[in-house]
Amino acid sequence: QVQLVESGGDLVQPGGSLRLSCAASGSIASVYAMGWYRQAPGKQREFVATITSGGSTNYADSVKGRFTISRDNAKTTVYLQMNSLKPEDTAVYYCNTIQVSGLKMNTYWGQGTQVTVSS
């Protein structure tokens, strides 16, 4: 199966920046999309950003204008550049990918990386 490993999470002050990375490995099929989600303590997991195989991007309203999602040429690594961070951005950030194998669509998740925004 596909393995996703996130990295880059850290403790940062409000207004600071972080860049998260997610590397995919294993039985990689045709990638439909890759994205980022986050889950804060006591909250449900929420959508942050996604990028399709064609390069189209979408962002949650809460991060639009502050976060940027991108990918490498092989489409096996996705990045999330986070600027102007706020305390409410504190969460575990999860990478995911939707892939097509034959007639099947499969979703894979990483284990997450902790982002803490605090003074």
N, C-alpha and C. Protein backbone atom coordinates (compact mmCIF):
# COMPACT_ATOMS: atom_id res chain seq x y z
N GLN A 1 0.83 -1.18 0.00
CA GLN A 1 0.00 0.00 0.00
C GLN A 1 0.87 1.24 0.00
N VAL A 2 0.22 2.39 -0.04
CA VAL A 2 0.91 3.66 -0.08
C VAL A 2 1.18 4.15 1.33
N GLN A 3 2.38 4.65 1.54
CA GLN A 3 2.74 5.27 2.81
C GLN A 3 2.97 6.76 2.61
N LEU A 4 2.44 7.55 3.52
CA LEU A 4 2.62 8.99 3.50
C LEU A 4 3.29 9.42 4.80
N VAL A 5 4.34 10.21 4.69
CA VAL A 5 5.07 10.67 5.87
C VAL A 5 5.15 12.18 5.84
N GLU A 6 4.56 12.82 6.86
CA GLU A 6 4.59 14.26 6.99
C GLU A 6 5.79 14.69 7.82
N SER A 7 6.28 15.88 7.55
CA SER A 7 7.35 16.46 8.34
C SER A 7 7.25 17.98 8.31
N GLY A 8 7.94 18.63 9.22
CA GLY A 8 7.99 20.08 9.24
C GLY A 8 7.21 20.75 10.35
N GLY A 9 6.40 20.00 11.06
CA GLY A 9 5.64 20.58 12.15
C GLY A 9 6.55 21.05 13.27
N ASP A 10 6.14 22.13 13.94
CA ASP A 10 6.99 22.71 14.98
C ASP A 10 6.18 23.67 15.83
N LEU A 11 6.82 24.21 16.85
CA LEU A 11 6.27 25.29 17.66
C LEU A 11 6.72 26.60 17.04
N VAL A 12 5.78 27.50 16.76
CA VAL A 12 6.09 28.76 16.12
C VAL A 12 5.24 29.87 16.75
N GLN A 13 5.78 31.08 16.77
CA GLN A 13 5.05 32.22 17.31
C GLN A 13 3.99 32.72 16.34
N PRO A 14 2.93 33.34 16.86
CA PRO A 14 1.94 33.94 15.95
C PRO A 14 2.60 34.89 14.97
N GLY A 15 2.16 34.82 13.72
CA GLY A 15 2.75 35.62 12.66
C GLY A 15 3.90 34.95 11.95
N GLY A 16 4.36 33.83 12.48
CA GLY A 16 5.47 33.12 11.90
C GLY A 16 5.07 32.23 10.74
N SER A 17 6.05 31.49 10.21
CA SER A 17 5.83 30.64 9.05
C SER A 17 6.40 29.25 9.27
N LEU A 18 5.80 28.29 8.60
CA LEU A 18 6.28 26.92 8.57
C LEU A 18 6.02 26.34 7.19
N ARG A 19 6.83 25.37 6.80
CA ARG A 19 6.62 24.65 5.56
C ARG A 19 6.54 23.16 5.86
N LEU A 20 5.39 22.57 5.60
CA LEU A 20 5.18 21.15 5.80
C LEU A 20 5.45 20.39 4.52
N SER A 21 5.97 19.17 4.66
CA SER A 21 6.22 18.30 3.52
C SER A 21 5.55 16.96 3.75
N CYS A 22 5.15 16.32 2.67
CA CYS A 22 4.56 14.99 2.72
C CYS A 22 5.11 14.18 1.57
N ALA A 23 5.80 13.10 1.89
CA ALA A 23 6.41 12.23 0.88
C ALA A 23 5.65 10.92 0.79
N ALA A 24 5.29 10.54 -0.43
CA ALA A 24 4.57 9.29 -0.68
C ALA A 24 5.53 8.22 -1.17
N SER A 25 5.30 6.99 -0.74
CA SER A 25 6.09 5.86 -1.19
C SER A 25 5.23 4.61 -1.18
N GLY A 26 5.75 3.52 -1.76
CA GLY A 26 5.02 2.27 -1.81
C GLY A 26 4.39 2.03 -3.17
N SER A 27 3.23 1.40 -3.17
CA SER A 27 2.54 1.04 -4.40
C SER A 27 1.72 2.21 -4.92
N ILE A 28 2.42 3.16 -5.52
CA ILE A 28 1.78 4.38 -6.00
C ILE A 28 1.17 4.14 -7.37
N ALA A 29 -0.12 4.38 -7.48
CA ALA A 29 -0.83 4.25 -8.74
C ALA A 29 -1.02 5.64 -9.34
N SER A 30 -2.12 5.82 -10.05
CA SER A 30 -2.42 7.11 -10.66
C SER A 30 -2.97 8.06 -9.59
N VAL A 31 -2.29 9.19 -9.40
CA VAL A 31 -2.69 10.16 -8.39
C VAL A 31 -3.78 11.07 -8.93
N TYR A 32 -4.91 11.09 -8.24
CA TYR A 32 -5.99 12.00 -8.59
C TYR A 32 -5.81 13.34 -7.92
N ALA A 33 -5.44 13.30 -6.63
CA ALA A 33 -5.25 14.53 -5.88
C ALA A 33 -4.43 14.26 -4.63
N MET A 34 -3.81 15.31 -4.11
CA MET A 34 -3.15 15.27 -2.82
C MET A 34 -3.59 16.49 -2.04
N GLY A 35 -3.65 16.34 -0.73
CA GLY A 35 -4.12 17.46 0.05
C GLY A 35 -3.68 17.43 1.49
N TRP A 36 -4.09 18.48 2.19
CA TRP A 36 -3.81 18.64 3.61
C TRP A 36 -5.10 18.85 4.38
N TYR A 37 -5.20 18.19 5.52
CA TYR A 37 -6.29 18.36 6.46
C TYR A 37 -5.69 18.60 7.84
N ARG A 38 -6.49 19.09 8.77
CA ARG A 38 -5.98 19.31 10.12
C ARG A 38 -7.06 19.00 11.14
N GLN A 39 -6.62 18.68 12.34
CA GLN A 39 -7.53 18.39 13.43
C GLN A 39 -6.99 19.00 14.72
N ALA A 40 -7.73 19.93 15.26
CA ALA A 40 -7.38 20.56 16.53
C ALA A 40 -8.00 19.77 17.67
N PRO A 41 -7.45 19.89 18.88
CA PRO A 41 -8.02 19.17 20.03
C PRO A 41 -9.50 19.49 20.22
N GLY A 42 -10.31 18.45 20.35
CA GLY A 42 -11.74 18.63 20.55
C GLY A 42 -12.52 19.02 19.32
N LYS A 43 -11.86 19.08 18.17
CA LYS A 43 -12.52 19.47 16.93
C LYS A 43 -12.50 18.33 15.92
N GLN A 44 -13.35 18.44 14.92
CA GLN A 44 -13.37 17.48 13.84
C GLN A 44 -12.27 17.80 12.83
N ARG A 45 -11.83 16.77 12.12
CA ARG A 45 -10.85 16.99 11.09
C ARG A 45 -11.45 17.85 9.98
N GLU A 46 -10.70 18.85 9.52
CA GLU A 46 -11.21 19.76 8.52
C GLU A 46 -10.26 19.88 7.33
N PHE A 47 -10.85 20.20 6.21
CA PHE A 47 -10.12 20.42 4.98
C PHE A 47 -9.28 21.69 5.06
N VAL A 48 -8.06 21.63 4.54
CA VAL A 48 -7.19 22.79 4.49
C VAL A 48 -6.92 23.20 3.04
N ALA A 49 -6.36 22.28 2.26
CA ALA A 49 -6.01 22.59 0.88
C ALA A 49 -5.85 21.31 0.08
N THR A 50 -6.04 21.40 -1.22
CA THR A 50 -5.85 20.25 -2.09
C THR A 50 -5.29 20.70 -3.43
N ILE A 51 -4.59 19.79 -4.09
CA ILE A 51 -4.07 20.04 -5.43
C ILE A 51 -4.33 18.79 -6.26
N THR A 52 -4.89 18.97 -7.46
CA THR A 52 -5.20 17.85 -8.33
C THR A 52 -4.00 17.50 -9.19
N SER A 53 -4.12 16.37 -9.90
CA SER A 53 -3.05 15.95 -10.79
C SER A 53 -2.81 16.97 -11.90
N GLY A 54 -3.82 17.75 -12.23
CA GLY A 54 -3.69 18.79 -13.23
C GLY A 54 -3.16 20.10 -12.70
N GLY A 55 -2.97 20.19 -11.39
CA GLY A 55 -2.40 21.38 -10.79
C GLY A 55 -3.40 22.38 -10.23
N SER A 56 -4.69 22.07 -10.31
CA SER A 56 -5.69 22.96 -9.75
C SER A 56 -5.66 22.90 -8.23
N THR A 57 -5.81 24.04 -7.59
CA THR A 57 -5.75 24.11 -6.13
C THR A 57 -7.05 24.66 -5.54
N ASN A 58 -7.33 24.23 -4.32
CA ASN A 58 -8.45 24.75 -3.55
C ASN A 58 -8.02 24.92 -2.11
N TYR A 59 -8.58 25.94 -1.46
CA TYR A 59 -8.23 26.25 -0.08
C TYR A 59 -9.46 26.49 0.76
N ALA A 60 -9.36 26.12 2.03
CA ALA A 60 -10.40 26.51 2.98
C ALA A 60 -10.37 28.02 3.15
N ASP A 61 -11.54 28.61 3.38
CA ASP A 61 -11.61 30.06 3.55
C ASP A 61 -10.72 30.55 4.69
N SER A 62 -10.57 29.74 5.72
CA SER A 62 -9.81 30.15 6.89
C SER A 62 -8.31 30.30 6.62
N VAL A 63 -7.81 29.69 5.54
CA VAL A 63 -6.38 29.75 5.25
C VAL A 63 -6.08 30.44 3.94
N LYS A 64 -7.09 30.78 3.18
CA LYS A 64 -6.90 31.40 1.88
C LYS A 64 -6.12 32.71 2.02
N GLY A 65 -5.10 32.87 1.20
CA GLY A 65 -4.26 34.05 1.26
C GLY A 65 -3.08 33.92 2.19
N ARG A 66 -3.07 32.88 3.03
CA ARG A 66 -1.98 32.67 3.97
C ARG A 66 -1.20 31.38 3.68
N PHE A 67 -1.90 30.35 3.22
CA PHE A 67 -1.29 29.05 2.95
C PHE A 67 -1.19 28.82 1.45
N THR A 68 -0.16 28.07 1.03
CA THR A 68 0.01 27.70 -0.36
C THR A 68 0.37 26.23 -0.46
N ILE A 69 -0.38 25.48 -1.27
CA ILE A 69 -0.08 24.08 -1.50
C ILE A 69 0.66 23.93 -2.83
N SER A 70 1.62 23.03 -2.87
CA SER A 70 2.38 22.79 -4.09
C SER A 70 2.85 21.33 -4.12
N ARG A 71 3.45 20.93 -5.22
CA ARG A 71 3.91 19.55 -5.39
C ARG A 71 5.21 19.53 -6.17
N ASP A 72 5.89 18.38 -6.14
CA ASP A 72 7.08 18.22 -6.95
C ASP A 72 6.69 17.69 -8.33
N ASN A 73 7.68 17.58 -9.22
CA ASN A 73 7.39 17.16 -10.59
C ASN A 73 6.91 15.72 -10.68
N ALA A 74 7.36 14.88 -9.78
CA ALA A 74 6.96 13.48 -9.77
C ALA A 74 5.58 13.27 -9.16
N LYS A 75 5.03 14.29 -8.55
CA LYS A 75 3.72 14.26 -7.90
C LYS A 75 3.66 13.27 -6.74
N THR A 76 4.80 13.03 -6.13
CA THR A 76 4.88 12.13 -4.99
C THR A 76 5.17 12.86 -3.69
N THR A 77 5.39 14.16 -3.78
CA THR A 77 5.61 14.98 -2.60
C THR A 77 4.74 16.22 -2.69
N VAL A 78 4.06 16.53 -1.61
CA VAL A 78 3.23 17.72 -1.55
C VAL A 78 3.69 18.59 -0.39
N TYR A 79 3.60 19.90 -0.57
CA TYR A 79 4.07 20.85 0.42
C TYR A 79 2.93 21.78 0.84
N LEU A 80 3.05 22.30 2.03
CA LEU A 80 2.13 23.32 2.50
C LEU A 80 2.94 24.43 3.14
N GLN A 81 3.01 25.57 2.45
CA GLN A 81 3.68 26.74 2.99
C GLN A 81 2.66 27.53 3.79
N MET A 82 2.94 27.73 5.07
CA MET A 82 2.01 28.39 5.97
C MET A 82 2.64 29.69 6.47
N ASN A 83 2.00 30.80 6.15
CA ASN A 83 2.46 32.12 6.57
C ASN A 83 1.42 32.78 7.45
N SER A 84 1.85 33.81 8.17
CA SER A 84 0.96 34.57 9.05
C SER A 84 0.16 33.66 9.96
N LEU A 85 0.85 32.74 10.60
CA LEU A 85 0.18 31.73 11.42
C LEU A 85 -0.51 32.35 12.62
N LYS A 86 -1.66 31.78 12.95
CA LYS A 86 -2.48 32.21 14.07
C LYS A 86 -2.61 31.08 15.09
N PRO A 87 -2.89 31.41 16.35
CA PRO A 87 -3.09 30.35 17.34
C PRO A 87 -4.15 29.34 16.93
N GLU A 88 -5.19 29.78 16.22
CA GLU A 88 -6.23 28.87 15.79
C GLU A 88 -5.78 27.91 14.69
N ASP A 89 -4.58 28.10 14.16
CA ASP A 89 -4.00 27.14 13.22
C ASP A 89 -3.39 25.94 13.92
N THR A 90 -3.30 26.00 15.24
CA THR A 90 -2.74 24.89 16.00
C THR A 90 -3.55 23.62 15.79
N ALA A 91 -2.89 22.57 15.34
CA ALA A 91 -3.56 21.31 15.04
C ALA A 91 -2.53 20.28 14.61
N VAL A 92 -2.99 19.04 14.52
CA VAL A 92 -2.22 18.02 13.83
C VAL A 92 -2.59 18.09 12.36
N TYR A 93 -1.59 18.23 11.52
CA TYR A 93 -1.81 18.35 10.09
C TYR A 93 -1.56 17.01 9.41
N TYR A 94 -2.53 16.56 8.63
CA TYR A 94 -2.48 15.28 7.96
C TYR A 94 -2.42 15.46 6.45
N CYS A 95 -1.55 14.70 5.82
CA CYS A 95 -1.48 14.63 4.37
C CYS A 95 -2.34 13.49 3.88
N ASN A 96 -2.99 13.66 2.73
CA ASN A 96 -3.70 12.55 2.13
C ASN A 96 -3.55 12.55 0.62
N THR A 97 -3.84 11.40 0.03
CA THR A 97 -3.83 11.29 -1.42
C THR A 97 -4.97 10.40 -1.86
N ILE A 98 -5.58 10.74 -2.98
CA ILE A 98 -6.59 9.92 -3.61
C ILE A 98 -5.98 9.38 -4.89
N GLN A 99 -5.95 8.05 -5.00
CA GLN A 99 -5.33 7.41 -6.14
C GLN A 99 -6.28 6.44 -6.81
N VAL A 100 -6.06 6.24 -8.11
CA VAL A 100 -6.87 5.33 -8.90
C VAL A 100 -6.03 4.11 -9.26
N SER A 101 -6.57 2.93 -8.97
CA SER A 101 -5.94 1.67 -9.33
C SER A 101 -6.98 0.81 -10.02
N GLY A 102 -6.86 0.67 -11.33
CA GLY A 102 -7.90 0.00 -12.09
C GLY A 102 -9.19 0.78 -12.01
N LEU A 103 -10.25 0.13 -11.54
CA LEU A 103 -11.53 0.80 -11.36
C LEU A 103 -11.74 1.28 -9.92
N LYS A 104 -10.72 1.15 -9.09
CA LYS A 104 -10.84 1.49 -7.69
C LYS A 104 -10.24 2.86 -7.39
N MET A 105 -10.85 3.55 -6.46
CA MET A 105 -10.30 4.79 -5.92
C MET A 105 -9.98 4.55 -4.45
N ASN A 106 -8.77 4.91 -4.07
CA ASN A 106 -8.31 4.66 -2.71
C ASN A 106 -7.78 5.94 -2.08
N THR A 107 -8.07 6.11 -0.82
CA THR A 107 -7.60 7.26 -0.06
C THR A 107 -6.61 6.79 1.00
N TYR A 108 -5.49 7.48 1.09
CA TYR A 108 -4.45 7.15 2.06
C TYR A 108 -4.13 8.37 2.91
N TRP A 109 -3.78 8.12 4.16
CA TRP A 109 -3.49 9.17 5.12
C TRP A 109 -2.14 8.95 5.78
N GLY A 110 -1.46 10.04 6.06
CA GLY A 110 -0.26 9.98 6.86
C GLY A 110 -0.60 9.99 8.34
N GLN A 111 0.42 9.93 9.18
CA GLN A 111 0.22 9.89 10.63
C GLN A 111 0.09 11.27 11.26
N GLY A 112 0.41 12.30 10.51
CA GLY A 112 0.24 13.66 10.99
C GLY A 112 1.50 14.27 11.57
N THR A 113 1.54 15.59 11.56
CA THR A 113 2.63 16.34 12.17
C THR A 113 2.04 17.50 12.96
N GLN A 114 2.55 17.72 14.15
CA GLN A 114 1.98 18.70 15.06
C GLN A 114 2.48 20.11 14.74
N VAL A 115 1.54 21.02 14.59
CA VAL A 115 1.84 22.44 14.45
C VAL A 115 1.24 23.17 15.63
N THR A 116 2.07 23.88 16.37
CA THR A 116 1.61 24.64 17.52
C THR A 116 2.00 26.10 17.34
N VAL A 117 1.01 26.98 17.37
CA VAL A 117 1.22 28.41 17.21
C VAL A 117 0.93 29.07 18.56
N SER A 118 1.95 29.54 19.22
CA SER A 118 1.80 30.08 20.56
C SER A 118 2.95 31.02 20.90
N SER A 119 2.66 31.99 21.78
CA SER A 119 3.69 32.88 22.27
C SER A 119 4.47 32.25 23.41
